[in-house]
Amino acid sequence: MKKANKISVICKLLPLLAIFSLSLCKRNYIPKPNGYMRIDFPEKAYRIYDSVCPYIFEYPLYGKIVPDAERIAEPCWINIEFPQFGGKIHISYKPVRNNVNEYIEDCRTLAYKHTIKADAIRETVFSNDTSGVYGLLYEIKGDAASSVQFYVTDSNRHFLRGSLYFNVRPDADSMAPVIDFFLEDIIHLIETCEWKYQ
């Protein structure tokens, strides 16, 4: 009989003990919102890329030029890799043989394929009569796989296309500072691009 009373008392005290222990916890708990890691960017500095390919441009010191190893890669296709950011700028080159309009339309199609995930696509025209470099930059806003794409050409011999990719799930909010940082480098690449053989 005494053992049954003890169990009965313990069963009655258990809920009170649980309520008491919960009252000791912080009462107005508000979960913290998701934060983003702080990113320390390197200082802007550039070097010249000059190889056997018919183009020259300046790229960031914190980037590494690697030949494109994809199965479909052609000569003079390269990647500028940024391992510390998990990103790369893919560069492809094509000689123009009375087909520049076809290349330009391909670039436009590839950029606008991101319309499904894009909030907006902003186009910026580049024109340098001195070096014979003309092009278009696509800034793709939103959660698109590639947030920046561009092409430059002289319209009759050379065509260079580029696109920025990161090895992460697209998230416009968290990636915005990184994309803005590399957008400056892409603009610098376009503005310093020259053709070796006119």
N, C-alpha and C. Protein backbone atom coordinates (compact mmCIF):
# COMPACT_ATOMS: atom_id res chain seq x y z
N MET A 1 0.82 -1.20 0.00
CA MET A 1 0.00 0.00 0.00
C MET A 1 0.85 1.25 0.00
N LYS A 2 1.93 1.24 0.79
CA LYS A 2 2.80 2.40 0.84
C LYS A 2 3.48 2.63 -0.50
N LYS A 3 3.86 1.54 -1.19
CA LYS A 3 4.53 1.66 -2.48
C LYS A 3 3.59 2.27 -3.51
N ALA A 4 2.34 1.92 -3.50
CA ALA A 4 1.35 2.47 -4.43
C ALA A 4 1.13 3.94 -4.17
N ASN A 5 1.15 4.35 -2.90
CA ASN A 5 1.00 5.78 -2.56
C ASN A 5 2.19 6.59 -3.08
N LYS A 6 3.40 6.02 -2.94
CA LYS A 6 4.59 6.73 -3.42
C LYS A 6 4.53 6.93 -4.94
N ILE A 7 4.12 5.90 -5.66
CA ILE A 7 4.02 6.00 -7.12
C ILE A 7 2.95 7.02 -7.49
N SER A 8 1.85 7.03 -6.78
CA SER A 8 0.77 7.98 -7.03
C SER A 8 1.24 9.41 -6.79
N VAL A 9 1.99 9.61 -5.72
CA VAL A 9 2.51 10.96 -5.40
C VAL A 9 3.50 11.39 -6.48
N ILE A 10 4.37 10.48 -6.91
CA ILE A 10 5.37 10.80 -7.94
C ILE A 10 4.67 11.15 -9.26
N CYS A 11 3.61 10.39 -9.58
CA CYS A 11 2.88 10.66 -10.81
C CYS A 11 2.20 12.03 -10.76
N LYS A 12 1.77 12.45 -9.59
CA LYS A 12 1.13 13.76 -9.46
C LYS A 12 2.16 14.88 -9.46
N LEU A 13 3.37 14.61 -8.95
CA LEU A 13 4.41 15.64 -8.89
C LEU A 13 5.14 15.82 -10.22
N LEU A 14 5.15 14.78 -11.04
CA LEU A 14 5.88 14.85 -12.31
C LEU A 14 5.41 15.99 -13.20
N PRO A 15 4.10 16.18 -13.42
CA PRO A 15 3.68 17.32 -14.23
C PRO A 15 4.06 18.66 -13.61
N LEU A 16 3.96 18.75 -12.27
CA LEU A 16 4.34 20.00 -11.59
C LEU A 16 5.84 20.27 -11.77
N LEU A 17 6.64 19.21 -11.69
CA LEU A 17 8.07 19.36 -11.89
C LEU A 17 8.39 19.81 -13.32
N ALA A 18 7.68 19.27 -14.29
CA ALA A 18 7.89 19.66 -15.69
C ALA A 18 7.51 21.12 -15.89
N ILE A 19 6.41 21.56 -15.33
CA ILE A 19 5.98 22.96 -15.45
C ILE A 19 6.99 23.88 -14.78
N PHE A 20 7.49 23.48 -13.62
CA PHE A 20 8.47 24.29 -12.90
C PHE A 20 9.76 24.42 -13.72
N SER A 21 10.22 23.29 -14.28
CA SER A 21 11.46 23.36 -15.06
C SER A 21 11.29 24.21 -16.32
N LEU A 22 10.11 24.19 -16.93
CA LEU A 22 9.86 25.04 -18.10
C LEU A 22 9.82 26.51 -17.71
N SER A 23 9.34 26.79 -16.49
CA SER A 23 9.26 28.19 -16.06
C SER A 23 10.64 28.77 -15.82
N LEU A 24 11.64 27.91 -15.60
CA LEU A 24 13.00 28.39 -15.41
C LEU A 24 13.64 28.78 -16.74
N CYS A 25 13.10 28.28 -17.83
CA CYS A 25 13.64 28.60 -19.16
C CYS A 25 13.29 30.05 -19.52
N LYS A 26 14.02 30.57 -20.47
CA LYS A 26 13.76 31.91 -20.97
C LYS A 26 12.34 31.98 -21.50
N ARG A 27 11.56 32.94 -21.02
CA ARG A 27 10.13 32.99 -21.35
C ARG A 27 9.86 33.56 -22.74
N ASN A 28 10.47 34.63 -23.12
CA ASN A 28 10.17 35.30 -24.39
C ASN A 28 11.21 34.92 -25.44
N TYR A 29 11.28 33.65 -25.73
CA TYR A 29 12.24 33.18 -26.72
C TYR A 29 11.80 33.59 -28.11
N ILE A 30 12.69 34.28 -28.80
CA ILE A 30 12.43 34.68 -30.18
C ILE A 30 13.57 34.10 -31.01
N PRO A 31 13.26 33.26 -31.96
CA PRO A 31 14.35 32.68 -32.76
C PRO A 31 15.06 33.75 -33.57
N LYS A 32 16.37 33.59 -33.69
CA LYS A 32 17.16 34.55 -34.47
C LYS A 32 16.94 34.29 -35.95
N PRO A 33 16.86 35.34 -36.75
CA PRO A 33 16.72 35.12 -38.20
C PRO A 33 18.02 34.54 -38.76
N ASN A 34 17.89 33.87 -39.90
CA ASN A 34 19.07 33.34 -40.56
C ASN A 34 19.99 34.49 -40.94
N GLY A 35 21.25 34.32 -40.68
CA GLY A 35 22.23 35.34 -41.04
C GLY A 35 23.13 34.83 -42.15
N TYR A 36 23.91 35.72 -42.70
CA TYR A 36 24.83 35.34 -43.75
C TYR A 36 26.25 35.59 -43.25
N MET A 37 27.15 34.75 -43.70
CA MET A 37 28.54 34.89 -43.27
C MET A 37 29.13 36.18 -43.82
N ARG A 38 30.01 36.76 -43.06
CA ARG A 38 30.72 37.94 -43.52
C ARG A 38 31.80 37.50 -44.51
N ILE A 39 31.90 38.22 -45.60
CA ILE A 39 32.88 37.86 -46.63
C ILE A 39 33.90 38.98 -46.73
N ASP A 40 35.16 38.62 -46.59
CA ASP A 40 36.25 39.58 -46.75
C ASP A 40 36.75 39.48 -48.19
N PHE A 41 36.59 40.56 -48.93
CA PHE A 41 37.01 40.57 -50.33
C PHE A 41 38.44 41.05 -50.45
N PRO A 42 39.18 40.48 -51.39
CA PRO A 42 40.55 40.96 -51.62
C PRO A 42 40.53 42.33 -52.32
N GLU A 43 41.65 43.01 -52.27
CA GLU A 43 41.76 44.29 -52.97
C GLU A 43 41.77 44.04 -54.47
N LYS A 44 41.22 44.99 -55.20
CA LYS A 44 41.18 44.87 -56.66
C LYS A 44 42.59 45.09 -57.23
N ALA A 45 43.05 44.12 -57.97
CA ALA A 45 44.32 44.20 -58.68
C ALA A 45 44.23 43.23 -59.85
N TYR A 46 44.84 43.59 -60.97
CA TYR A 46 44.67 42.81 -62.20
C TYR A 46 46.00 42.49 -62.86
N ARG A 47 45.97 41.43 -63.69
CA ARG A 47 47.12 41.07 -64.52
C ARG A 47 46.60 40.76 -65.92
N ILE A 48 47.50 40.78 -66.88
CA ILE A 48 47.12 40.58 -68.28
C ILE A 48 47.11 39.09 -68.61
N TYR A 49 46.06 38.66 -69.28
CA TYR A 49 46.02 37.31 -69.83
C TYR A 49 46.37 37.42 -71.30
N ASP A 50 47.51 36.86 -71.66
CA ASP A 50 47.98 36.88 -73.05
C ASP A 50 48.54 35.49 -73.34
N SER A 51 47.90 34.77 -74.24
CA SER A 51 48.30 33.40 -74.56
C SER A 51 48.36 33.25 -76.07
N VAL A 52 48.28 32.03 -76.55
CA VAL A 52 48.25 31.80 -78.00
C VAL A 52 46.89 32.16 -78.59
N CYS A 53 45.91 32.40 -77.73
CA CYS A 53 44.56 32.75 -78.18
C CYS A 53 44.54 34.17 -78.76
N PRO A 54 43.58 34.47 -79.62
CA PRO A 54 43.57 35.77 -80.31
C PRO A 54 42.98 36.92 -79.50
N TYR A 55 42.90 36.78 -78.22
CA TYR A 55 42.37 37.86 -77.37
C TYR A 55 43.29 38.08 -76.17
N ILE A 56 43.22 39.30 -75.65
CA ILE A 56 43.97 39.71 -74.45
C ILE A 56 42.97 40.44 -73.56
N PHE A 57 43.09 40.23 -72.27
CA PHE A 57 42.29 41.02 -71.32
C PHE A 57 42.97 40.98 -69.96
N GLU A 58 42.50 41.83 -69.07
CA GLU A 58 43.00 41.82 -67.70
C GLU A 58 42.00 41.09 -66.82
N TYR A 59 42.54 40.27 -65.92
CA TYR A 59 41.69 39.53 -64.98
C TYR A 59 42.26 39.69 -63.57
N PRO A 60 41.47 39.40 -62.55
CA PRO A 60 41.90 39.65 -61.17
C PRO A 60 43.06 38.76 -60.73
N LEU A 61 43.93 39.32 -59.89
CA LEU A 61 45.04 38.55 -59.33
C LEU A 61 44.56 37.37 -58.50
N TYR A 62 43.38 37.48 -57.92
CA TYR A 62 42.85 36.41 -57.07
C TYR A 62 42.12 35.35 -57.90
N GLY A 63 42.20 35.46 -59.22
CA GLY A 63 41.63 34.45 -60.11
C GLY A 63 42.73 33.58 -60.70
N LYS A 64 42.36 32.40 -61.13
CA LYS A 64 43.31 31.45 -61.69
C LYS A 64 42.77 30.97 -63.04
N ILE A 65 43.56 31.14 -64.10
CA ILE A 65 43.15 30.70 -65.44
C ILE A 65 43.40 29.19 -65.58
N VAL A 66 42.33 28.49 -65.99
CA VAL A 66 42.40 27.05 -66.18
C VAL A 66 41.75 26.73 -67.52
N PRO A 67 42.40 25.91 -68.36
CA PRO A 67 41.76 25.53 -69.63
C PRO A 67 40.45 24.79 -69.35
N ASP A 68 39.46 25.04 -70.17
CA ASP A 68 38.17 24.37 -70.01
C ASP A 68 38.34 22.89 -70.33
N ALA A 69 37.99 22.03 -69.38
CA ALA A 69 38.18 20.58 -69.55
C ALA A 69 36.89 19.86 -69.95
N GLU A 70 35.85 20.61 -70.23
CA GLU A 70 34.59 19.97 -70.65
C GLU A 70 34.78 19.24 -71.97
N ARG A 71 33.98 18.23 -72.19
CA ARG A 71 34.06 17.42 -73.40
C ARG A 71 33.81 18.25 -74.66
N ILE A 72 32.93 19.24 -74.56
CA ILE A 72 32.59 20.05 -75.74
C ILE A 72 33.49 21.28 -75.91
N ALA A 73 34.47 21.44 -75.03
CA ALA A 73 35.33 22.61 -75.08
C ALA A 73 36.12 22.69 -76.39
N GLU A 74 36.29 23.92 -76.84
CA GLU A 74 37.05 24.18 -78.06
C GLU A 74 38.33 24.90 -77.69
N PRO A 75 39.26 25.04 -78.64
CA PRO A 75 40.48 25.78 -78.35
C PRO A 75 40.15 27.21 -77.88
N CYS A 76 40.93 27.68 -76.94
CA CYS A 76 40.80 29.03 -76.36
C CYS A 76 39.57 29.19 -75.47
N TRP A 77 38.98 28.09 -75.02
CA TRP A 77 37.95 28.15 -73.99
C TRP A 77 38.65 27.99 -72.65
N ILE A 78 38.39 28.90 -71.75
CA ILE A 78 39.06 28.89 -70.44
C ILE A 78 38.06 29.18 -69.34
N ASN A 79 38.48 28.94 -68.11
CA ASN A 79 37.73 29.35 -66.94
C ASN A 79 38.65 30.20 -66.06
N ILE A 80 38.13 31.28 -65.55
CA ILE A 80 38.84 32.05 -64.53
C ILE A 80 38.21 31.60 -63.21
N GLU A 81 38.96 30.81 -62.45
CA GLU A 81 38.41 30.22 -61.23
C GLU A 81 38.76 31.07 -60.01
N PHE A 82 37.83 31.09 -59.08
CA PHE A 82 37.98 31.79 -57.81
C PHE A 82 37.68 30.79 -56.70
N PRO A 83 38.66 29.92 -56.36
CA PRO A 83 38.40 28.83 -55.42
C PRO A 83 37.91 29.31 -54.06
N GLN A 84 38.41 30.46 -53.58
CA GLN A 84 38.01 30.92 -52.25
C GLN A 84 36.55 31.36 -52.22
N PHE A 85 35.93 31.56 -53.39
CA PHE A 85 34.53 31.95 -53.46
C PHE A 85 33.66 30.86 -54.11
N GLY A 86 34.27 29.78 -54.55
CA GLY A 86 33.51 28.71 -55.20
C GLY A 86 32.88 29.15 -56.50
N GLY A 87 33.57 30.04 -57.22
CA GLY A 87 32.99 30.56 -58.46
C GLY A 87 33.96 30.53 -59.62
N LYS A 88 33.42 30.82 -60.79
CA LYS A 88 34.26 30.90 -61.99
C LYS A 88 33.57 31.75 -63.04
N ILE A 89 34.40 32.32 -63.90
CA ILE A 89 33.91 32.98 -65.11
C ILE A 89 34.30 32.07 -66.26
N HIS A 90 33.30 31.53 -66.92
CA HIS A 90 33.55 30.65 -68.07
C HIS A 90 33.68 31.53 -69.31
N ILE A 91 34.78 31.36 -70.04
CA ILE A 91 35.05 32.14 -71.26
C ILE A 91 35.11 31.19 -72.44
N SER A 92 34.35 31.50 -73.49
CA SER A 92 34.43 30.71 -74.72
C SER A 92 34.69 31.66 -75.89
N TYR A 93 35.50 31.19 -76.81
CA TYR A 93 35.88 31.99 -77.98
C TYR A 93 35.46 31.27 -79.25
N LYS A 94 34.98 32.05 -80.21
CA LYS A 94 34.62 31.50 -81.52
C LYS A 94 35.13 32.47 -82.59
N PRO A 95 35.72 31.95 -83.65
CA PRO A 95 36.05 32.82 -84.78
C PRO A 95 34.76 33.15 -85.54
N VAL A 96 34.68 34.36 -86.03
CA VAL A 96 33.49 34.80 -86.78
C VAL A 96 33.73 34.54 -88.26
N ARG A 97 32.76 33.89 -88.88
CA ARG A 97 32.81 33.63 -90.33
C ARG A 97 31.46 33.99 -90.93
N ASN A 98 31.20 35.28 -90.99
CA ASN A 98 29.92 35.80 -91.48
C ASN A 98 28.73 35.25 -90.68
N ASN A 99 28.95 34.97 -89.38
CA ASN A 99 27.88 34.42 -88.56
C ASN A 99 27.77 35.12 -87.19
N VAL A 100 28.21 36.36 -87.11
CA VAL A 100 28.18 37.07 -85.82
C VAL A 100 26.75 37.21 -85.28
N ASN A 101 25.78 37.42 -86.18
CA ASN A 101 24.39 37.55 -85.72
C ASN A 101 23.89 36.26 -85.07
N GLU A 102 24.32 35.13 -85.57
CA GLU A 102 23.96 33.84 -84.98
C GLU A 102 24.53 33.72 -83.56
N TYR A 103 25.80 34.12 -83.38
CA TYR A 103 26.43 34.08 -82.06
C TYR A 103 25.73 35.02 -81.08
N ILE A 104 25.42 36.21 -81.55
CA ILE A 104 24.74 37.20 -80.69
C ILE A 104 23.37 36.67 -80.27
N GLU A 105 22.65 36.07 -81.20
CA GLU A 105 21.33 35.52 -80.86
C GLU A 105 21.45 34.34 -79.89
N ASP A 106 22.49 33.52 -80.05
CA ASP A 106 22.73 32.42 -79.10
C ASP A 106 22.96 32.97 -77.68
N CYS A 107 23.74 34.04 -77.59
CA CYS A 107 24.01 34.65 -76.27
C CYS A 107 22.73 35.21 -75.67
N ARG A 108 21.94 35.88 -76.47
CA ARG A 108 20.68 36.43 -75.97
C ARG A 108 19.76 35.30 -75.49
N THR A 109 19.68 34.23 -76.26
CA THR A 109 18.84 33.09 -75.89
C THR A 109 19.31 32.47 -74.57
N LEU A 110 20.64 32.27 -74.44
CA LEU A 110 21.18 31.70 -73.21
C LEU A 110 20.91 32.59 -72.00
N ALA A 111 21.04 33.90 -72.16
CA ALA A 111 20.77 34.82 -71.05
C ALA A 111 19.29 34.80 -70.67
N TYR A 112 18.42 34.82 -71.66
CA TYR A 112 16.99 34.90 -71.39
C TYR A 112 16.36 33.55 -71.03
N LYS A 113 17.14 32.46 -71.10
CA LYS A 113 16.65 31.19 -70.57
C LYS A 113 16.46 31.28 -69.05
N HIS A 114 17.14 32.23 -68.43
CA HIS A 114 17.06 32.41 -66.98
C HIS A 114 15.82 33.21 -66.57
N THR A 115 14.99 33.59 -67.52
CA THR A 115 13.80 34.39 -67.23
C THR A 115 12.88 33.71 -66.22
N ILE A 116 12.86 32.39 -66.21
CA ILE A 116 12.00 31.64 -65.30
C ILE A 116 12.32 31.98 -63.84
N LYS A 117 13.61 32.07 -63.53
CA LYS A 117 14.04 32.36 -62.15
C LYS A 117 14.40 33.83 -61.95
N ALA A 118 14.56 34.58 -63.02
CA ALA A 118 15.02 35.96 -62.91
C ALA A 118 13.90 36.92 -62.53
N ASP A 119 14.26 37.93 -61.73
CA ASP A 119 13.33 39.02 -61.43
C ASP A 119 13.40 40.08 -62.52
N ALA A 120 14.60 40.25 -63.08
CA ALA A 120 14.81 41.23 -64.14
C ALA A 120 16.12 40.90 -64.85
N ILE A 121 16.25 41.36 -66.07
CA ILE A 121 17.51 41.23 -66.81
C ILE A 121 17.85 42.62 -67.34
N ARG A 122 19.01 43.11 -66.90
CA ARG A 122 19.45 44.45 -67.32
C ARG A 122 20.58 44.30 -68.33
N GLU A 123 20.46 45.02 -69.43
CA GLU A 123 21.48 44.96 -70.49
C GLU A 123 22.29 46.25 -70.49
N THR A 124 23.61 46.11 -70.61
CA THR A 124 24.50 47.26 -70.71
C THR A 124 25.35 47.09 -71.97
N VAL A 125 25.37 48.10 -72.82
CA VAL A 125 26.12 48.06 -74.07
C VAL A 125 27.53 48.60 -73.84
N PHE A 126 28.52 47.94 -74.45
CA PHE A 126 29.91 48.39 -74.41
C PHE A 126 30.38 48.62 -75.83
N SER A 127 31.10 49.73 -76.03
CA SER A 127 31.59 50.07 -77.36
C SER A 127 32.94 50.78 -77.24
N ASN A 128 33.96 50.20 -77.85
CA ASN A 128 35.29 50.80 -77.85
C ASN A 128 35.81 50.79 -79.29
N ASP A 129 35.66 51.92 -79.97
CA ASP A 129 36.08 52.00 -81.37
C ASP A 129 37.59 51.86 -81.53
N THR A 130 38.36 52.32 -80.54
CA THR A 130 39.81 52.27 -80.62
C THR A 130 40.31 50.82 -80.69
N SER A 131 39.79 49.96 -79.82
CA SER A 131 40.24 48.57 -79.81
C SER A 131 39.34 47.65 -80.64
N GLY A 132 38.26 48.18 -81.19
CA GLY A 132 37.35 47.37 -82.00
C GLY A 132 36.62 46.31 -81.18
N VAL A 133 36.26 46.68 -79.95
CA VAL A 133 35.56 45.75 -79.07
C VAL A 133 34.17 46.31 -78.77
N TYR A 134 33.16 45.53 -79.13
CA TYR A 134 31.77 45.92 -78.91
C TYR A 134 31.08 44.76 -78.21
N GLY A 135 30.23 45.07 -77.27
CA GLY A 135 29.60 43.96 -76.56
C GLY A 135 28.37 44.34 -75.77
N LEU A 136 27.87 43.34 -75.07
CA LEU A 136 26.66 43.50 -74.28
C LEU A 136 26.82 42.68 -73.00
N LEU A 137 26.44 43.29 -71.89
CA LEU A 137 26.49 42.64 -70.58
C LEU A 137 25.06 42.42 -70.10
N TYR A 138 24.77 41.20 -69.65
CA TYR A 138 23.46 40.87 -69.09
C TYR A 138 23.60 40.68 -67.59
N GLU A 139 22.94 41.52 -66.80
CA GLU A 139 22.86 41.33 -65.35
C GLU A 139 21.52 40.66 -65.07
N ILE A 140 21.57 39.45 -64.59
CA ILE A 140 20.36 38.67 -64.37
C ILE A 140 20.05 38.69 -62.88
N LYS A 141 19.02 39.44 -62.52
CA LYS A 141 18.64 39.62 -61.11
C LYS A 141 17.73 38.48 -60.68
N GLY A 142 17.88 38.03 -59.45
CA GLY A 142 17.04 36.95 -58.93
C GLY A 142 17.85 35.70 -58.68
N ASP A 143 17.17 34.58 -58.52
CA ASP A 143 17.81 33.31 -58.16
C ASP A 143 18.18 32.49 -59.39
N ALA A 144 18.83 33.11 -60.35
CA ALA A 144 19.24 32.42 -61.58
C ALA A 144 20.58 31.71 -61.36
N ALA A 145 20.83 30.67 -62.14
CA ALA A 145 22.07 29.91 -62.02
C ALA A 145 23.29 30.75 -62.40
N SER A 146 23.15 31.58 -63.40
CA SER A 146 24.22 32.49 -63.82
C SER A 146 23.70 33.91 -63.72
N SER A 147 24.34 34.72 -62.89
CA SER A 147 23.83 36.06 -62.63
C SER A 147 24.42 37.12 -63.56
N VAL A 148 25.52 36.81 -64.23
CA VAL A 148 26.12 37.76 -65.16
C VAL A 148 26.59 36.99 -66.39
N GLN A 149 26.21 37.49 -67.56
CA GLN A 149 26.68 36.93 -68.83
C GLN A 149 27.03 38.10 -69.74
N PHE A 150 27.94 37.85 -70.67
CA PHE A 150 28.35 38.93 -71.58
C PHE A 150 28.94 38.33 -72.86
N TYR A 151 29.06 39.21 -73.84
CA TYR A 151 29.83 38.87 -75.03
C TYR A 151 30.52 40.13 -75.54
N VAL A 152 31.65 39.93 -76.21
CA VAL A 152 32.34 41.01 -76.92
C VAL A 152 32.75 40.48 -78.28
N THR A 153 32.78 41.38 -79.25
CA THR A 153 33.11 40.98 -80.62
C THR A 153 33.66 42.18 -81.37
N ASP A 154 34.32 41.92 -82.49
CA ASP A 154 34.69 42.99 -83.41
C ASP A 154 33.78 42.95 -84.64
N SER A 155 32.82 42.07 -84.62
CA SER A 155 31.78 41.89 -85.63
C SER A 155 32.20 41.15 -86.88
N ASN A 156 33.51 41.00 -87.13
CA ASN A 156 33.87 40.31 -88.36
C ASN A 156 34.91 39.19 -88.21
N ARG A 157 35.63 39.12 -87.05
CA ARG A 157 36.62 38.05 -86.90
C ARG A 157 36.56 37.32 -85.56
N HIS A 158 36.20 38.03 -84.50
CA HIS A 158 36.32 37.47 -83.15
C HIS A 158 35.01 37.57 -82.37
N PHE A 159 34.77 36.55 -81.55
CA PHE A 159 33.60 36.56 -80.67
C PHE A 159 33.97 35.86 -79.37
N LEU A 160 33.83 36.58 -78.26
CA LEU A 160 34.16 36.07 -76.93
C LEU A 160 32.93 36.16 -76.04
N ARG A 161 32.57 35.05 -75.43
CA ARG A 161 31.40 35.01 -74.55
C ARG A 161 31.84 34.61 -73.16
N GLY A 162 31.18 35.17 -72.13
CA GLY A 162 31.51 34.81 -70.76
C GLY A 162 30.27 34.71 -69.88
N SER A 163 30.38 33.92 -68.82
CA SER A 163 29.28 33.81 -67.85
C SER A 163 29.86 33.48 -66.48
N LEU A 164 29.23 34.05 -65.46
CA LEU A 164 29.66 33.88 -64.08
C LEU A 164 28.81 32.81 -63.40
N TYR A 165 29.48 31.85 -62.76
CA TYR A 165 28.78 30.76 -62.05
C TYR A 165 29.39 30.57 -60.67
N PHE A 166 28.56 30.13 -59.72
CA PHE A 166 29.03 29.76 -58.39
C PHE A 166 28.55 28.35 -58.07
N ASN A 167 29.34 27.63 -57.29
CA ASN A 167 29.01 26.25 -56.93
C ASN A 167 28.11 26.20 -55.69
N VAL A 168 27.06 27.00 -55.70
CA VAL A 168 26.10 27.02 -54.59
C VAL A 168 24.70 27.13 -55.17
N ARG A 169 23.72 26.83 -54.33
CA ARG A 169 22.33 27.00 -54.75
C ARG A 169 22.07 28.49 -54.91
N PRO A 170 21.48 28.93 -56.02
CA PRO A 170 21.25 30.35 -56.24
C PRO A 170 20.37 30.97 -55.14
N ASP A 171 20.87 32.04 -54.54
CA ASP A 171 20.12 32.80 -53.54
C ASP A 171 20.54 34.26 -53.71
N ALA A 172 19.70 35.03 -54.36
CA ALA A 172 20.04 36.41 -54.72
C ALA A 172 20.41 37.25 -53.50
N ASP A 173 19.72 37.06 -52.39
CA ASP A 173 19.99 37.88 -51.20
C ASP A 173 21.38 37.62 -50.64
N SER A 174 21.74 36.36 -50.45
CA SER A 174 23.04 36.06 -49.85
C SER A 174 24.18 36.27 -50.83
N MET A 175 23.93 36.10 -52.12
CA MET A 175 25.00 36.21 -53.12
C MET A 175 25.20 37.62 -53.64
N ALA A 176 24.30 38.54 -53.34
CA ALA A 176 24.37 39.89 -53.91
C ALA A 176 25.73 40.57 -53.73
N PRO A 177 26.33 40.58 -52.53
CA PRO A 177 27.63 41.25 -52.41
C PRO A 177 28.72 40.60 -53.25
N VAL A 178 28.70 39.27 -53.35
CA VAL A 178 29.71 38.55 -54.13
C VAL A 178 29.51 38.82 -55.61
N ILE A 179 28.27 38.79 -56.06
CA ILE A 179 27.98 39.06 -57.48
C ILE A 179 28.40 40.48 -57.85
N ASP A 180 28.09 41.45 -56.99
CA ASP A 180 28.49 42.84 -57.25
C ASP A 180 30.01 42.97 -57.32
N PHE A 181 30.71 42.25 -56.46
CA PHE A 181 32.17 42.28 -56.44
C PHE A 181 32.73 41.77 -57.77
N PHE A 182 32.21 40.63 -58.24
CA PHE A 182 32.73 40.06 -59.48
C PHE A 182 32.19 40.77 -60.73
N LEU A 183 31.08 41.45 -60.60
CA LEU A 183 30.57 42.25 -61.72
C LEU A 183 31.59 43.32 -62.11
N GLU A 184 32.22 43.94 -61.12
CA GLU A 184 33.27 44.94 -61.39
C GLU A 184 34.42 44.31 -62.17
N ASP A 185 34.79 43.08 -61.81
CA ASP A 185 35.89 42.40 -62.51
C ASP A 185 35.51 42.06 -63.95
N ILE A 186 34.26 41.68 -64.16
CA ILE A 186 33.81 41.37 -65.52
C ILE A 186 33.79 42.63 -66.37
N ILE A 187 33.32 43.72 -65.81
CA ILE A 187 33.33 45.00 -66.55
C ILE A 187 34.77 45.38 -66.89
N HIS A 188 35.69 45.19 -65.95
CA HIS A 188 37.10 45.49 -66.21
C HIS A 188 37.64 44.59 -67.33
N LEU A 189 37.27 43.32 -67.31
CA LEU A 189 37.69 42.39 -68.36
C LEU A 189 37.19 42.88 -69.73
N ILE A 190 35.93 43.27 -69.80
CA ILE A 190 35.36 43.75 -71.07
C ILE A 190 36.08 45.01 -71.53
N GLU A 191 36.30 45.94 -70.62
CA GLU A 191 36.91 47.23 -70.99
C GLU A 191 38.38 47.10 -71.37
N THR A 192 39.06 46.03 -70.94
CA THR A 192 40.48 45.85 -71.28
C THR A 192 40.69 44.82 -72.38
N CYS A 193 39.61 44.26 -72.89
CA CYS A 193 39.72 43.24 -73.93
C CYS A 193 40.24 43.86 -75.23
N GLU A 194 41.16 43.15 -75.88
CA GLU A 194 41.70 43.56 -77.18
C GLU A 194 41.86 42.32 -78.05
N TRP A 195 41.87 42.54 -79.35
CA TRP A 195 42.08 41.43 -80.31
C TRP A 195 43.52 41.47 -80.76
N LYS A 196 44.14 40.32 -80.81
CA LYS A 196 45.56 40.24 -81.22
C LYS A 196 45.71 40.30 -82.74
N TYR A 197 44.73 39.78 -83.43
CA TYR A 197 44.81 39.74 -84.89
C TYR A 197 43.60 40.45 -85.45
N GLN A 198 43.81 41.61 -86.02
CA GLN A 198 42.70 42.39 -86.57
C GLN A 198 42.41 41.96 -87.94
